[in-house]
C-alpha atoms as a PDB file:
ATOM      1  CA  MET A   1      -0.229   0.287  -0.293  1.00  0.00           C
ATOM      2  CA  THR A   2       2.677   2.508   1.057  1.00  0.00           C
ATOM      3  CA  THR A   3       4.517   1.982  -2.090  1.00  0.00           C
ATOM      4  CA  GLY A   4       1.302   2.887  -4.398  1.00  0.00           C
ATOM      5  CA  ILE A   5       1.021   6.128  -2.380  1.00  0.00           C
ATOM      6  CA  LEU A   6       4.794   6.813  -2.969  1.00  0.00           C
ATOM      7  CA  VAL A   7       4.243   6.291  -6.693  1.00  0.00           C
ATOM      8  CA  SER A   8       1.265   7.644  -7.104  1.00  0.00           C
ATOM      9  CA  VAL A   9       2.211  10.785  -5.501  1.00  0.00           C
ATOM     10  CA  MET A  10       6.433  11.218  -6.748  1.00  0.00           C
ATOM     11  CA  ALA A  11       3.932  10.917 -10.486  1.00  0.00           C
ATOM     12  CA  TYR A  12       1.819  13.823  -9.130  1.00  0.00           C
ATOM     13  CA  LEU A  13       5.313  15.350  -8.391  1.00  0.00           C
ATOM     14  CA  ILE A  14       6.807  15.135 -12.167  1.00  0.00           C
ATOM     15  CA  SER A  15       3.802  16.002 -14.355  1.00  0.00           C
ATOM     16  CA  GLY A  16       3.430  19.635 -12.007  1.00  0.00           C
ATOM     17  CA  LEU A  17       7.332  19.590 -13.528  1.00  0.00           C
ATOM     18  CA  PHE A  18       5.859  19.622 -17.319  1.00  0.00           C
ATOM     19  CA  ASN A  19       2.307  20.778 -16.718  1.00  0.00           C
ATOM     20  CA  ASP A  20       0.586  23.620 -15.092  1.00  0.00           C
ATOM     21  CA  SER A  21      -0.799  23.084 -11.860  1.00  0.00           C
ATOM     22  CA  MET A  22      -4.273  20.687 -11.494  1.00  0.00           C
ATOM     23  CA  VAL A  23      -6.397  22.574  -8.764  1.00  0.00           C
ATOM     24  CA  ALA A  24      -8.593  19.689  -8.472  1.00  0.00           C
ATOM     25  CA  VAL A  25      -6.202  16.989  -8.233  1.00  0.00           C
ATOM     26  CA  SER A  26      -4.615  19.214  -5.989  1.00  0.00           C
ATOM     27  CA  PRO A  27      -6.150  17.522  -2.745  1.00  0.00           C
ATOM     28  CA  LEU A  28      -6.163  14.235  -3.621  1.00  0.00           C
ATOM     29  CA  PHE A  29      -2.206  14.534  -3.597  1.00  0.00           C
ATOM     30  CA  TRP A  30      -3.127  16.060   0.236  1.00  0.00           C
ATOM     31  CA  MET A  31      -4.595  13.796   1.593  1.00  0.00           C
ATOM     32  CA  LEU A  32      -2.163  11.079  -0.965  1.00  0.00           C
ATOM     33  CA  LEU A  33       0.470  12.170   0.832  1.00  0.00           C
ATOM     34  CA  GLY A  34      -0.930  12.529   4.660  1.00  0.00           C
ATOM     35  CA  PHE A  35      -2.198   8.896   4.460  1.00  0.00           C
ATOM     36  CA  GLY A  36       1.304   7.601   3.588  1.00  0.00           C
ATOM     37  CA  ILE A  37       3.316  10.103   6.178  1.00  0.00           C
ATOM     38  CA  SER A  38       1.037   7.843   8.638  1.00  0.00           C
ATOM     39  CA  LEU A  39       1.498   4.365   7.368  1.00  0.00           C
ATOM     40  CA  THR A  40       4.489   5.044   7.297  1.00  0.00           C
ATOM     41  CA  GLN A  41       4.887   6.844  11.501  1.00  0.00           C
ATOM     42  CA  ARG A  42       2.601   3.372  11.998  1.00  0.00           C
ATOM     43  CA  GLY A  43       5.021   1.320  11.044  1.00  0.00           C
ATOM     44  CA  LYS A  44       7.502   2.844  13.081  1.00  0.00           C
ATOM     45  CA  ASP A  45       6.121   3.000  16.101  1.00  0.00           C
ATOM     46  CA  ALA A  46       5.060  -1.112  15.255  1.00  0.00           C
ATOM     47  CA  HIS A  47       8.181  -2.044  15.437  1.00  0.00           C
ATOM     48  CA  PRO A  48      10.396   0.539  17.343  1.00  0.00           C
ATOM     49  CA  GLU A  49      14.327  -0.278  17.069  1.00  0.00           C
ATOM     50  CA  LYS A  50      15.797  -1.064  19.801  1.00  0.00           C
END
């Protein structure tokens, strides 16, 4: 799941380099970014390093 979110976020950022801003897709980008960060944090909390 996190790999898919990472690929989606990277695709949006790369397309932003070549295209104009896509205002309609922007909220989806921020939701995916936040969801990816929360999944990453939950993964770190589940497996703390010693």
